[in-house]
Amino acid sequence: MKHSPQLARLIDALRALPGVGPKSAQRMAFHLLQDGRPGARALAEALDAALESVARCRRCRMLTEGELCAICAAPQRDAALLCAVESPADVVAIEASGSYRGRYFVLMGHLSPLDGIGPEQLGVRELEAILAEGQVRELILATNS
């Protein structure tokens, strides 16, 4: 069945989310427009507000609403330990363990030359600048690849 242009656009937008295939995206779209209009409006407003107010921490590139994220702003974190991760989700997972007390650097992806993602896109120069400051004694690479 062919969907209306706006419904097709919504389904395509939902498919961009990780782990969401065409059938799941269609179910979500139908739910949001059929039964969940207040929920759909709240979702749209929350997404719009996040797009306006959430940015990258100027030091580690974690998502935050301030110039520095809570981890970089915390004086009790060990500045000698730096853990480089691929995504903000990795920071959340490591923090949930409660055992790491250092700081992070979020690459926001992984090297993928075929997709045009090289060191520049991953912030390697920013990482080099942090290392050049001399505070970091140990760099932990916690990537998936």
Protein backbone atom coordinates (compact mmCIF):
# COMPACT_ATOMS: atom_id res chain seq x y z
CA MET A 1 0.00 0.00 0.00
CA LYS A 2 1.27 3.45 -0.86
CA HIS A 3 1.22 5.92 2.02
CA SER A 4 0.45 9.61 1.83
CA PRO A 5 3.57 11.76 1.35
CA GLN A 6 3.65 13.03 4.95
CA LEU A 7 3.07 9.56 6.42
CA ALA A 8 5.80 8.14 4.19
CA ARG A 9 8.11 10.94 5.34
CA LEU A 10 7.40 10.13 9.00
CA ILE A 11 8.01 6.42 8.42
CA ASP A 12 11.30 7.16 6.66
CA ALA A 13 12.37 9.45 9.52
CA LEU A 14 11.60 6.75 12.09
CA ARG A 15 13.56 4.18 10.05
CA ALA A 16 16.66 6.32 10.54
CA LEU A 17 16.68 5.30 14.22
CA PRO A 18 19.00 2.40 15.09
CA GLY A 19 17.28 -0.97 15.14
CA VAL A 20 14.06 0.31 13.55
CA GLY A 21 13.09 -1.44 10.35
CA PRO A 22 10.28 -0.61 7.93
CA LYS A 23 7.54 -2.51 9.80
CA SER A 24 8.49 -1.10 13.20
CA ALA A 25 8.65 2.41 11.76
CA GLN A 26 5.21 1.97 10.21
CA ARG A 27 3.77 0.70 13.53
CA MET A 28 5.27 3.65 15.40
CA ALA A 29 3.94 6.14 12.87
CA PHE A 30 0.46 4.64 12.99
CA HIS A 31 0.51 4.64 16.80
CA LEU A 32 1.65 8.24 17.03
CA LEU A 33 -0.96 9.46 14.58
CA GLN A 34 -3.81 7.15 15.52
CA ASP A 35 -3.95 6.90 19.31
CA GLY A 36 -1.12 8.97 20.61
CA ARG A 37 -1.57 12.49 19.34
CA PRO A 38 -0.75 14.02 22.75
CA GLY A 39 2.24 11.68 22.93
CA ALA A 40 3.23 12.58 19.38
CA ARG A 41 3.09 16.28 20.20
CA ALA A 42 5.14 15.75 23.38
CA LEU A 43 7.70 13.75 21.37
CA ALA A 44 7.93 16.46 18.73
CA GLU A 45 8.32 19.20 21.36
CA ALA A 46 10.95 17.24 23.31
CA LEU A 47 12.93 16.57 20.14
CA ASP A 48 12.71 20.21 19.09
CA ALA A 49 13.82 21.40 22.54
CA ALA A 50 16.73 18.94 22.57
CA LEU A 51 17.84 20.07 19.12
CA GLU A 52 17.88 23.66 20.36
CA SER A 53 19.58 23.17 23.72
CA VAL A 54 21.77 20.04 23.57
CA ALA A 55 25.26 20.40 22.12
CA ARG A 56 28.67 18.83 22.56
CA CYS A 57 30.82 19.45 25.63
CA ARG A 58 33.70 21.68 24.55
CA ARG A 59 36.21 19.36 26.22
CA CYS A 60 35.05 15.76 25.72
CA ARG A 61 32.29 16.11 23.09
CA MET A 62 29.66 14.39 25.28
CA LEU A 63 26.11 15.64 24.78
CA THR A 64 25.25 18.36 27.29
CA GLU A 65 23.23 21.52 27.76
CA GLY A 66 26.14 23.55 29.08
CA GLU A 67 29.63 24.36 27.86
CA LEU A 68 31.01 21.51 29.95
CA CYS A 69 29.27 18.23 30.70
CA ALA A 70 28.82 17.14 34.32
CA ILE A 71 31.79 14.76 34.08
CA CYS A 72 34.24 17.37 32.78
CA ALA A 73 32.98 19.91 35.32
CA ALA A 74 33.42 17.52 38.26
CA PRO A 75 36.69 18.31 40.09
CA GLN A 76 36.78 14.86 41.71
CA ARG A 77 37.23 13.09 38.35
CA ASP A 78 40.76 11.82 37.69
CA ALA A 79 42.15 14.04 34.90
CA ALA A 80 45.09 11.63 34.46
CA LEU A 81 42.73 8.96 33.06
CA LEU A 82 41.11 9.48 29.67
CA CYS A 83 38.79 6.96 28.05
CA ALA A 84 38.10 7.39 24.33
CA VAL A 85 34.71 5.96 23.32
CA GLU A 86 32.67 5.91 20.12
CA SER A 87 29.40 7.36 21.36
CA PRO A 88 27.61 9.04 24.27
CA ALA A 89 25.88 5.69 24.88
CA ASP A 90 29.29 4.19 25.66
CA VAL A 91 29.86 6.86 28.33
CA VAL A 92 26.50 6.02 29.89
CA ALA A 93 27.31 2.29 29.89
CA ILE A 94 30.72 2.78 31.51
CA GLU A 95 29.31 5.22 34.07
CA ALA A 96 26.61 2.68 34.98
CA SER A 97 29.36 0.32 36.14
CA GLY A 98 30.34 2.87 38.80
CA SER A 99 33.99 1.80 38.65
CA TYR A 100 35.60 4.34 36.29
CA ARG A 101 36.52 7.73 37.79
CA GLY A 102 38.41 9.33 34.92
CA ARG A 103 37.29 11.54 32.06
CA TYR A 104 36.15 10.73 28.54
CA PHE A 105 36.61 11.76 24.94
CA VAL A 106 33.67 10.91 22.67
CA LEU A 107 34.67 10.21 19.07
CA MET A 108 31.06 10.35 17.82
CA GLY A 109 31.65 7.41 15.49
CA HIS A 110 34.39 5.16 14.17
CA LEU A 111 36.82 5.23 11.28
CA SER A 112 35.10 4.29 8.05
CA PRO A 113 37.02 5.47 4.99
CA LEU A 114 34.39 4.04 2.63
CA ASP A 115 31.81 6.31 4.28
CA GLY A 116 34.15 9.31 4.30
CA ILE A 117 34.74 9.17 8.06
CA GLY A 118 38.37 9.80 8.86
CA PRO A 119 40.35 11.17 11.81
CA GLU A 120 39.13 14.74 11.18
CA GLN A 121 35.47 13.75 11.58
CA LEU A 122 36.26 11.91 14.83
CA GLY A 123 37.95 14.87 16.51
CA VAL A 124 41.42 13.34 16.61
CA ARG A 125 42.99 16.82 16.60
CA GLU A 126 40.97 17.76 19.68
CA LEU A 127 42.07 14.52 21.34
CA GLU A 128 45.70 15.27 20.46
CA ALA A 129 45.32 18.74 22.01
CA ILE A 130 44.02 17.24 25.25
CA LEU A 131 46.93 14.80 25.35
CA ALA A 132 49.41 17.62 24.60
CA GLU A 133 48.27 19.46 27.75
CA GLY A 134 50.21 16.84 29.71
CA GLN A 135 47.64 15.94 32.38
CA VAL A 136 46.68 12.57 30.88
CA ARG A 137 48.90 9.68 31.98
CA GLU A 138 46.71 6.85 30.70
CA LEU A 139 44.59 6.73 27.54
CA ILE A 140 42.06 3.92 27.37
CA LEU A 141 40.63 3.08 23.95
CA ALA A 142 37.17 1.63 24.57
CA THR A 143 35.87 1.26 21.03
CA ASN A 144 33.82 -1.45 19.38
CA SER A 145 36.23 -2.10 16.56
